[in-house]
Amino acid sequence: MSDNKNLTSSCCCSGPTQDLDTTIINPGTTNLLDPATDEATCPVMPGTAVDKAAAEAAGLFRDYLGRRYWFCCKGCGPQFDRDPDKYASAA
């Protein structure tokens, strides 16, 4: 054990813990309901997850009858445009 009194101690040890990584990790701070992390399913390719923020940044979305639809790739937008009722009703 070291004689250095400036070392931190952990909650489970009464003495200094010079080898303890004291980096604070707080994974509970991520808001899973944040729109930036929100996911949707591509209406053209059912079962394909789409990150809404990334799709919007890339222009991979359409607004139809007051609702927004996000796409997994640039080919899905034109496909949706050909028959929006078909894909909107399935979503």
PDB file of N, CA and C in Angstrom:
ATOM      1  N   MET A   1       0.842  -1.172   0.000  1.00  0.00           N
ATOM      2  CA  MET A   1       0.000   0.000   0.000  1.00  0.00           C
ATOM      3  C   MET A   1       0.888   1.236   0.000  1.00  0.00           C
ATOM      4  N   SER A   2       0.455   2.245  -0.663  1.00  0.00           N
ATOM      5  CA  SER A   2       1.215   3.485  -0.779  1.00  0.00           C
ATOM      6  C   SER A   2       0.958   4.381   0.428  1.00  0.00           C
ATOM      7  N   ASP A   3       1.922   5.247   0.713  1.00  0.00           N
ATOM      8  CA  ASP A   3       1.750   6.205   1.797  1.00  0.00           C
ATOM      9  C   ASP A   3       1.136   7.511   1.297  1.00  0.00           C
ATOM     10  N   ASN A   4       0.797   7.586   0.021  1.00  0.00           N
ATOM     11  CA  ASN A   4       0.245   8.799  -0.563  1.00  0.00           C
ATOM     12  C   ASN A   4      -1.185   9.007  -0.060  1.00  0.00           C
ATOM     13  N   LYS A   5      -1.411  10.072   0.682  1.00  0.00           N
ATOM     14  CA  LYS A   5      -2.719  10.348   1.265  1.00  0.00           C
ATOM     15  C   LYS A   5      -3.658  11.038   0.277  1.00  0.00           C
ATOM     16  N   ASN A   6      -3.188  11.372  -0.939  1.00  0.00           N
ATOM     17  CA  ASN A   6      -4.019  12.039  -1.932  1.00  0.00           C
ATOM     18  C   ASN A   6      -4.772  11.052  -2.828  1.00  0.00           C
ATOM     19  N   LEU A   7      -4.592   9.769  -2.603  1.00  0.00           N
ATOM     20  CA  LEU A   7      -5.282   8.781  -3.422  1.00  0.00           C
ATOM     21  C   LEU A   7      -6.740   8.695  -2.998  1.00  0.00           C
ATOM     22  N   THR A   8      -7.595   8.384  -3.958  1.00  0.00           N
ATOM     23  CA  THR A   8      -9.016   8.257  -3.638  1.00  0.00           C
ATOM     24  C   THR A   8      -9.304   6.870  -3.099  1.00  0.00           C
ATOM     25  N   SER A   9     -10.385   6.740  -2.400  1.00  0.00           N
ATOM     26  CA  SER A   9     -10.807   5.417  -1.941  1.00  0.00           C
ATOM     27  C   SER A   9     -12.174   5.120  -2.539  1.00  0.00           C
ATOM     28  N   SER A  10     -12.437   3.850  -2.714  1.00  0.00           N
ATOM     29  CA  SER A  10     -13.738   3.473  -3.258  1.00  0.00           C
ATOM     30  C   SER A  10     -14.719   3.289  -2.122  1.00  0.00           C
ATOM     31  N   CYS A  11     -15.968   3.144  -2.456  1.00  0.00           N
ATOM     32  CA  CYS A  11     -16.986   2.974  -1.420  1.00  0.00           C
ATOM     33  C   CYS A  11     -16.898   1.615  -0.739  1.00  0.00           C
ATOM     34  N   CYS A  12     -16.268   0.635  -1.389  1.00  0.00           N
ATOM     35  CA  CYS A  12     -16.198  -0.700  -0.791  1.00  0.00           C
ATOM     36  C   CYS A  12     -14.858  -0.965  -0.116  1.00  0.00           C
ATOM     37  N   CYS A  13     -13.944  -0.021  -0.158  1.00  0.00           N
ATOM     38  CA  CYS A  13     -12.629  -0.192   0.468  1.00  0.00           C
ATOM     39  C   CYS A  13     -12.388   0.965   1.418  1.00  0.00           C
ATOM     40  N   SER A  14     -11.748   0.682   2.498  1.00  0.00           N
ATOM     41  CA  SER A  14     -11.493   1.754   3.457  1.00  0.00           C
ATOM     42  C   SER A  14     -10.174   2.461   3.195  1.00  0.00           C
ATOM     43  N   GLY A  15      -9.318   1.848   2.398  1.00  0.00           N
ATOM     44  CA  GLY A  15      -8.019   2.447   2.140  1.00  0.00           C
ATOM     45  C   GLY A  15      -7.922   3.034   0.745  1.00  0.00           C
ATOM     46  N   PRO A  16      -6.755   3.615   0.429  1.00  0.00           N
ATOM     47  CA  PRO A  16      -6.529   4.185  -0.890  1.00  0.00           C
ATOM     48  C   PRO A  16      -6.609   3.112  -1.980  1.00  0.00           C
ATOM     49  N   THR A  17      -7.065   3.520  -3.156  1.00  0.00           N
ATOM     50  CA  THR A  17      -7.192   2.588  -4.280  1.00  0.00           C
ATOM     51  C   THR A  17      -6.494   3.181  -5.493  1.00  0.00           C
ATOM     52  N   GLN A  18      -5.175   3.094  -5.500  1.00  0.00           N
ATOM     53  CA  GLN A  18      -4.401   3.737  -6.561  1.00  0.00           C
ATOM     54  C   GLN A  18      -4.647   3.122  -7.931  1.00  0.00           C
ATOM     55  N   ASP A  19      -5.076   1.866  -7.996  1.00  0.00           N
ATOM     56  CA  ASP A  19      -5.312   1.229  -9.288  1.00  0.00           C
ATOM     57  C   ASP A  19      -6.759   1.350  -9.754  1.00  0.00           C
ATOM     58  N   LEU A  20      -7.611   1.980  -8.984  1.00  0.00           N
ATOM     59  CA  LEU A  20      -9.014   2.110  -9.327  1.00  0.00           C
ATOM     60  C   LEU A  20      -9.197   3.189 -10.386  1.00  0.00           C
ATOM     61  N   ASP A  21      -9.910   2.845 -11.445  1.00  0.00           N
ATOM     62  CA  ASP A  21     -10.254   3.832 -12.468  1.00  0.00           C
ATOM     63  C   ASP A  21     -11.410   4.655 -11.918  1.00  0.00           C
ATOM     64  N   THR A  22     -11.173   5.926 -11.665  1.00  0.00           N
ATOM     65  CA  THR A  22     -12.190   6.777 -11.062  1.00  0.00           C
ATOM     66  C   THR A  22     -12.996   7.554 -12.096  1.00  0.00           C
ATOM     67  N   THR A  23     -12.945   7.142 -13.358  1.00  0.00           N
ATOM     68  CA  THR A  23     -13.740   7.782 -14.393  1.00  0.00           C
ATOM     69  C   THR A  23     -15.216   7.579 -14.078  1.00  0.00           C
ATOM     70  N   ILE A  24     -15.977   8.644 -14.150  1.00  0.00           N
ATOM     71  CA  ILE A  24     -17.403   8.555 -13.865  1.00  0.00           C
ATOM     72  C   ILE A  24     -18.127   8.094 -15.123  1.00  0.00           C
ATOM     73  N   ILE A  25     -18.890   7.043 -14.994  1.00  0.00           N
ATOM     74  CA  ILE A  25     -19.680   6.523 -16.100  1.00  0.00           C
ATOM     75  C   ILE A  25     -21.137   6.592 -15.679  1.00  0.00           C
ATOM     76  N   ASN A  26     -21.954   7.275 -16.473  1.00  0.00           N
ATOM     77  CA  ASN A  26     -23.362   7.407 -16.136  1.00  0.00           C
ATOM     78  C   ASN A  26     -24.214   7.146 -17.369  1.00  0.00           C
ATOM     79  N   PRO A  27     -24.408   5.874 -17.736  1.00  0.00           N
ATOM     80  CA  PRO A  27     -25.194   5.587 -18.924  1.00  0.00           C
ATOM     81  C   PRO A  27     -26.663   5.949 -18.767  1.00  0.00           C
ATOM     82  N   GLY A  28     -27.133   6.192 -17.578  1.00  0.00           N
ATOM     83  CA  GLY A  28     -28.527   6.536 -17.353  1.00  0.00           C
ATOM     84  C   GLY A  28     -28.899   7.931 -17.800  1.00  0.00           C
ATOM     85  N   THR A  29     -27.949   8.705 -18.300  1.00  0.00           N
ATOM     86  CA  THR A  29     -28.260  10.059 -18.732  1.00  0.00           C
ATOM     87  C   THR A  29     -28.790  10.125 -20.152  1.00  0.00           C
ATOM     88  N   THR A  30     -28.783   9.022 -20.895  1.00  0.00           N
ATOM     89  CA  THR A  30     -29.295   9.024 -22.259  1.00  0.00           C
ATOM     90  C   THR A  30     -30.814   8.976 -22.226  1.00  0.00           C
ATOM     91  N   ASN A  31     -31.443   9.951 -22.846  1.00  0.00           N
ATOM     92  CA  ASN A  31     -32.893   9.999 -22.921  1.00  0.00           C
ATOM     93  C   ASN A  31     -33.340   9.201 -24.133  1.00  0.00           C
ATOM     94  N   LEU A  32     -33.906   8.029 -23.911  1.00  0.00           N
ATOM     95  CA  LEU A  32     -34.306   7.168 -25.015  1.00  0.00           C
ATOM     96  C   LEU A  32     -35.523   7.700 -25.759  1.00  0.00           C
ATOM     97  N   LEU A  33     -36.219   8.670 -25.199  1.00  0.00           N
ATOM     98  CA  LEU A  33     -37.360   9.258 -25.879  1.00  0.00           C
ATOM     99  C   LEU A  33     -36.989  10.513 -26.653  1.00  0.00           C
ATOM    100  N   ASP A  34     -35.742  10.899 -26.603  1.00  0.00           N
ATOM    101  CA  ASP A  34     -35.248  12.061 -27.328  1.00  0.00           C
ATOM    102  C   ASP A  34     -35.422  11.818 -28.826  1.00  0.00           C
ATOM    103  N   PRO A  35     -36.025  12.769 -29.565  1.00  0.00           N
ATOM    104  CA  PRO A  35     -36.200  12.575 -31.007  1.00  0.00           C
ATOM    105  C   PRO A  35     -34.901  12.271 -31.737  1.00  0.00           C
ATOM    106  N   ALA A  36     -33.789  12.706 -31.197  1.00  0.00           N
ATOM    107  CA  ALA A  36     -32.504  12.438 -31.850  1.00  0.00           C
ATOM    108  C   ALA A  36     -32.164  10.949 -31.820  1.00  0.00           C
ATOM    109  N   THR A  37     -32.717  10.214 -30.881  1.00  0.00           N
ATOM    110  CA  THR A  37     -32.432   8.783 -30.801  1.00  0.00           C
ATOM    111  C   THR A  37     -33.656   7.945 -31.138  1.00  0.00           C
ATOM    112  N   ASP A  38     -34.717   8.588 -31.550  1.00  0.00           N
ATOM    113  CA  ASP A  38     -35.955   7.892 -31.851  1.00  0.00           C
ATOM    114  C   ASP A  38     -35.841   7.138 -33.166  1.00  0.00           C
ATOM    115  N   GLU A  39     -36.406   5.961 -33.211  1.00  0.00           N
ATOM    116  CA  GLU A  39     -36.375   5.163 -34.427  1.00  0.00           C
ATOM    117  C   GLU A  39     -37.778   4.948 -34.964  1.00  0.00           C
ATOM    118  N   ALA A  40     -37.851   4.728 -36.251  1.00  0.00           N
ATOM    119  CA  ALA A  40     -39.093   4.391 -36.933  1.00  0.00           C
ATOM    120  C   ALA A  40     -38.814   3.171 -37.794  1.00  0.00           C
ATOM    121  N   THR A  41     -39.842   2.674 -38.429  1.00  0.00           N
ATOM    122  CA  THR A  41     -39.688   1.571 -39.371  1.00  0.00           C
ATOM    123  C   THR A  41     -39.994   2.096 -40.760  1.00  0.00           C
ATOM    124  N   CYS A  42     -39.166   1.764 -41.707  1.00  0.00           N
ATOM    125  CA  CYS A  42     -39.367   2.199 -43.086  1.00  0.00           C
ATOM    126  C   CYS A  42     -40.675   1.590 -43.606  1.00  0.00           C
ATOM    127  N   PRO A  43     -41.602   2.415 -44.128  1.00  0.00           N
ATOM    128  CA  PRO A  43     -42.870   1.872 -44.613  1.00  0.00           C
ATOM    129  C   PRO A  43     -42.728   1.082 -45.914  1.00  0.00           C
ATOM    130  N   VAL A  44     -41.679   1.338 -46.667  1.00  0.00           N
ATOM    131  CA  VAL A  44     -41.462   0.645 -47.939  1.00  0.00           C
ATOM    132  C   VAL A  44     -40.749  -0.684 -47.718  1.00  0.00           C
ATOM    133  N   MET A  45     -39.854  -0.733 -46.757  1.00  0.00           N
ATOM    134  CA  MET A  45     -39.102  -1.947 -46.418  1.00  0.00           C
ATOM    135  C   MET A  45     -39.457  -2.339 -44.984  1.00  0.00           C
ATOM    136  N   PRO A  46     -40.635  -2.937 -44.769  1.00  0.00           N
ATOM    137  CA  PRO A  46     -41.082  -3.277 -43.410  1.00  0.00           C
ATOM    138  C   PRO A  46     -40.034  -4.088 -42.645  1.00  0.00           C
ATOM    139  N   GLY A  47     -39.879  -3.724 -41.383  1.00  0.00           N
ATOM    140  CA  GLY A  47     -38.907  -4.397 -40.531  1.00  0.00           C
ATOM    141  C   GLY A  47     -37.548  -3.731 -40.511  1.00  0.00           C
ATOM    142  N   THR A  48     -37.345  -2.739 -41.381  1.00  0.00           N
ATOM    143  CA  THR A  48     -36.067  -2.034 -41.428  1.00  0.00           C
ATOM    144  C   THR A  48     -36.131  -0.813 -40.518  1.00  0.00           C
ATOM    145  N   ALA A  49     -35.299  -0.795 -39.486  1.00  0.00           N
ATOM    146  CA  ALA A  49     -35.260   0.325 -38.544  1.00  0.00           C
ATOM    147  C   ALA A  49     -34.604   1.538 -39.185  1.00  0.00           C
ATOM    148  N   VAL A  50     -35.143   2.709 -38.847  1.00  0.00           N
ATOM    149  CA  VAL A  50     -34.637   3.972 -39.381  1.00  0.00           C
ATOM    150  C   VAL A  50     -34.441   4.943 -38.227  1.00  0.00           C
ATOM    151  N   ASP A  51     -33.270   5.541 -38.140  1.00  0.00           N
ATOM    152  CA  ASP A  51     -33.009   6.602 -37.171  1.00  0.00           C
ATOM    153  C   ASP A  51     -33.647   7.867 -37.735  1.00  0.00           C
ATOM    154  N   LYS A  52     -34.655   8.396 -37.047  1.00  0.00           N
ATOM    155  CA  LYS A  52     -35.406   9.540 -37.569  1.00  0.00           C
ATOM    156  C   LYS A  52     -34.522  10.758 -37.833  1.00  0.00           C
ATOM    157  N   ALA A  53     -33.643  11.081 -36.910  1.00  0.00           N
ATOM    158  CA  ALA A  53     -32.795  12.267 -37.067  1.00  0.00           C
ATOM    159  C   ALA A  53     -31.870  12.122 -38.265  1.00  0.00           C
ATOM    160  N   ALA A  54     -31.281  10.946 -38.434  1.00  0.00           N
ATOM    161  CA  ALA A  54     -30.380  10.718 -39.568  1.00  0.00           C
ATOM    162  C   ALA A  54     -31.151  10.761 -40.880  1.00  0.00           C
ATOM    163  N   ALA A  55     -32.353  10.183 -40.892  1.00  0.00           N
ATOM    164  CA  ALA A  55     -33.170  10.199 -42.106  1.00  0.00           C
ATOM    165  C   ALA A  55     -33.567  11.623 -42.470  1.00  0.00           C
ATOM    166  N   GLU A  56     -33.939  12.413 -41.477  1.00  0.00           N
ATOM    167  CA  GLU A  56     -34.314  13.800 -41.755  1.00  0.00           C
ATOM    168  C   GLU A  56     -33.127  14.600 -42.259  1.00  0.00           C
ATOM    169  N   ALA A  57     -31.970  14.390 -41.681  1.00  0.00           N
ATOM    170  CA  ALA A  57     -30.769  15.107 -42.120  1.00  0.00           C
ATOM    171  C   ALA A  57     -30.423  14.771 -43.567  1.00  0.00           C
ATOM    172  N   ALA A  58     -30.744  13.544 -43.986  1.00  0.00           N
ATOM    173  CA  ALA A  58     -30.441  13.105 -45.351  1.00  0.00           C
ATOM    174  C   ALA A  58     -31.606  13.344 -46.309  1.00  0.00           C
ATOM    175  N   GLY A  59     -32.713  13.895 -45.815  1.00  0.00           N
ATOM    176  CA  GLY A  59     -33.878  14.142 -46.657  1.00  0.00           C
ATOM    177  C   GLY A  59     -34.674  12.887 -46.972  1.00  0.00           C
ATOM    178  N   LEU A  60     -34.528  11.854 -46.161  1.00  0.00           N
ATOM    179  CA  LEU A  60     -35.198  10.577 -46.404  1.00  0.00           C
ATOM    180  C   LEU A  60     -36.510  10.485 -45.630  1.00  0.00           C
ATOM    181  N   PHE A  61     -37.449  11.346 -45.976  1.00  0.00           N
ATOM    182  CA  PHE A  61     -38.755  11.338 -45.328  1.00  0.00           C
ATOM    183  C   PHE A  61     -39.778  11.999 -46.248  1.00  0.00           C
ATOM    184  N   ARG A  62     -41.033  11.720 -45.970  1.00  0.00           N
ATOM    185  CA  ARG A  62     -42.142  12.365 -46.656  1.00  0.00           C
ATOM    186  C   ARG A  62     -43.206  12.673 -45.610  1.00  0.00           C
ATOM    187  N   ASP A  63     -43.916  13.779 -45.815  1.00  0.00           N
ATOM    188  CA  ASP A  63     -45.085  14.102 -45.014  1.00  0.00           C
ATOM    189  C   ASP A  63     -46.304  13.801 -45.877  1.00  0.00           C
ATOM    190  N   TYR A  64     -47.201  12.991 -45.346  1.00  0.00           N
ATOM    191  CA  TYR A  64     -48.376  12.588 -46.110  1.00  0.00           C
ATOM    192  C   TYR A  64     -49.582  12.532 -45.181  1.00  0.00           C
ATOM    193  N   LEU A  65     -50.624  13.276 -45.533  1.00  0.00           N
ATOM    194  CA  LEU A  65     -51.864  13.336 -44.752  1.00  0.00           C
ATOM    195  C   LEU A  65     -51.607  13.632 -43.275  1.00  0.00           C
ATOM    196  N   GLY A  66     -50.733  14.592 -43.028  1.00  0.00           N
ATOM    197  CA  GLY A  66     -50.458  15.037 -41.667  1.00  0.00           C
ATOM    198  C   GLY A  66     -49.554  14.134 -40.851  1.00  0.00           C
ATOM    199  N   ARG A  67     -48.940  13.168 -41.486  1.00  0.00           N
ATOM    200  CA  ARG A  67     -48.046  12.253 -40.774  1.00  0.00           C
ATOM    201  C   ARG A  67     -46.710  12.180 -41.500  1.00  0.00           C
ATOM    202  N   ARG A  68     -45.636  12.016 -40.747  1.00  0.00           N
ATOM    203  CA  ARG A  68     -44.298  11.914 -41.332  1.00  0.00           C
ATOM    204  C   ARG A  68     -43.878  10.446 -41.417  1.00  0.00           C
ATOM    205  N   TYR A  69     -43.278  10.099 -42.561  1.00  0.00           N
ATOM    206  CA  TYR A  69     -42.762   8.751 -42.814  1.00  0.00           C
ATOM    207  C   TYR A  69     -41.277   8.868 -43.114  1.00  0.00           C
ATOM    208  N   TRP A  70     -40.468   8.032 -42.483  1.00  0.00           N
ATOM    209  CA  TRP A  70     -39.020   8.048 -42.649  1.00  0.00           C
ATOM    210  C   TRP A  70     -38.598   6.814 -43.422  1.00  0.00           C
ATOM    211  N   PHE A  71     -37.550   6.968 -44.248  1.00  0.00           N
ATOM    212  CA  PHE A  71     -37.111   5.881 -45.121  1.00  0.00           C
ATOM    213  C   PHE A  71     -35.687   5.453 -44.812  1.00  0.00           C
ATOM    214  N   CYS A  72     -35.409   4.184 -45.132  1.00  0.00           N
ATOM    215  CA  CYS A  72     -34.094   3.617 -44.849  1.00  0.00           C
ATOM    216  C   CYS A  72     -33.060   3.971 -45.914  1.00  0.00           C
ATOM    217  N   CYS A  73     -33.498   4.318 -47.121  1.00  0.00           N
ATOM    218  CA  CYS A  73     -32.555   4.650 -48.195  1.00  0.00           C
ATOM    219  C   CYS A  73     -33.222   5.588 -49.198  1.00  0.00           C
ATOM    220  N   LYS A  74     -32.432   6.145 -50.089  1.00  0.00           N
ATOM    221  CA  LYS A  74     -32.981   7.127 -51.027  1.00  0.00           C
ATOM    222  C   LYS A  74     -33.900   6.511 -52.077  1.00  0.00           C
ATOM    223  N   GLY A  75     -33.882   5.217 -52.258  1.00  0.00           N
ATOM    224  CA  GLY A  75     -34.785   4.573 -53.200  1.00  0.00           C
ATOM    225  C   GLY A  75     -36.207   4.425 -52.677  1.00  0.00           C
ATOM    226  N   CYS A  76     -36.380   4.475 -51.370  1.00  0.00           N
ATOM    227  CA  CYS A  76     -37.704   4.267 -50.782  1.00  0.00           C
ATOM    228  C   CYS A  76     -38.625   5.479 -50.928  1.00  0.00           C
ATOM    229  N   GLY A  77     -38.079   6.673 -50.949  1.00  0.00           N
ATOM    230  CA  GLY A  77     -38.907   7.876 -51.109  1.00  0.00           C
ATOM    231  C   GLY A  77     -39.687   7.863 -52.415  1.00  0.00           C
ATOM    232  N   PRO A  78     -39.013   7.684 -53.568  1.00  0.00           N
ATOM    233  CA  PRO A  78     -39.739   7.624 -54.840  1.00  0.00           C
ATOM    234  C   PRO A  78     -40.731   6.455 -54.904  1.00  0.00           C
ATOM    235  N   GLN A  79     -40.379   5.342 -54.292  1.00  0.00           N
ATOM    236  CA  GLN A  79     -41.298   4.194 -54.254  1.00  0.00           C
ATOM    237  C   GLN A  79     -42.559   4.568 -53.477  1.00  0.00           C
ATOM    238  N   PHE A  80     -42.388   5.241 -52.351  1.00  0.00           N
ATOM    239  CA  PHE A  80     -43.510   5.714 -51.541  1.00  0.00           C
ATOM    240  C   PHE A  80     -44.370   6.679 -52.350  1.00  0.00           C
ATOM    241  N   ASP A  81     -43.722   7.584 -53.105  1.00  0.00           N
ATOM    242  CA  ASP A  81     -44.444   8.584 -53.894  1.00  0.00           C
ATOM    243  C   ASP A  81     -45.349   7.949 -54.949  1.00  0.00           C
ATOM    244  N   ARG A  82     -44.985   6.786 -55.464  1.00  0.00           N
ATOM    245  CA  ARG A  82     -45.781   6.113 -56.496  1.00  0.00           C
ATOM    246  C   ARG A  82     -47.137   5.640 -55.972  1.00  0.00           C
ATOM    247  N   ASP A  83     -47.196   5.264 -54.697  1.00  0.00           N
ATOM    248  CA  ASP A  83     -48.444   4.772 -54.105  1.00  0.00           C
ATOM    249  C   ASP A  83     -48.448   5.029 -52.599  1.00  0.00           C
ATOM    250  N   PRO A  84     -48.551   6.306 -52.202  1.00  0.00           N
ATOM    251  CA  PRO A  84     -48.452   6.626 -50.777  1.00  0.00           C
ATOM    252  C   PRO A  84     -49.541   5.978 -49.922  1.00  0.00           C
ATOM    253  N   ASP A  85     -50.745   5.805 -50.475  1.00  0.00           N
ATOM    254  CA  ASP A  85     -51.816   5.170 -49.692  1.00  0.00           C
ATOM    255  C   ASP A  85     -51.447   3.742 -49.303  1.00  0.00           C
ATOM    256  N   LYS A  86     -50.834   3.022 -50.221  1.00  0.00           N
ATOM    257  CA  LYS A  86     -50.427   1.636 -49.967  1.00  0.00           C
ATOM    258  C   LYS A  86     -49.456   1.561 -48.789  1.00  0.00           C
ATOM    259  N   TYR A  87     -48.425   2.414 -48.811  1.00  0.00           N
ATOM    260  CA  TYR A  87     -47.392   2.361 -47.774  1.00  0.00           C
ATOM    261  C   TYR A  87     -47.847   3.008 -46.469  1.00  0.00           C
ATOM    262  N   ALA A  88     -48.668   4.062 -46.568  1.00  0.00           N
ATOM    263  CA  ALA A  88     -49.154   4.723 -45.358  1.00  0.00           C
ATOM    264  C   ALA A  88     -50.095   3.806 -44.580  1.00  0.00           C
ATOM    265  N   SER A  89     -50.916   3.044 -45.283  1.00  0.00           N
ATOM    266  CA  SER A  89     -51.857   2.161 -44.592  1.00  0.00           C
ATOM    267  C   SER A  89     -51.145   0.976 -43.942  1.00  0.00           C
ATOM    268  N   ALA A  90     -50.014   0.587 -44.486  1.00  0.00           N
ATOM    269  CA  ALA A  90     -49.250  -0.535 -43.927  1.00  0.00           C
ATOM    270  C   ALA A  90     -48.400  -0.112 -42.739  1.00  0.00           C
ATOM    271  N   ALA A  91     -48.127   1.175 -42.623  1.00  0.00           N
ATOM    272  CA  ALA A  91     -47.234   1.666 -41.560  1.00  0.00           C
ATOM    273  C   ALA A  91     -47.938   1.757 -40.229  1.00  0.00           C
TER     274      ALA A  91
END
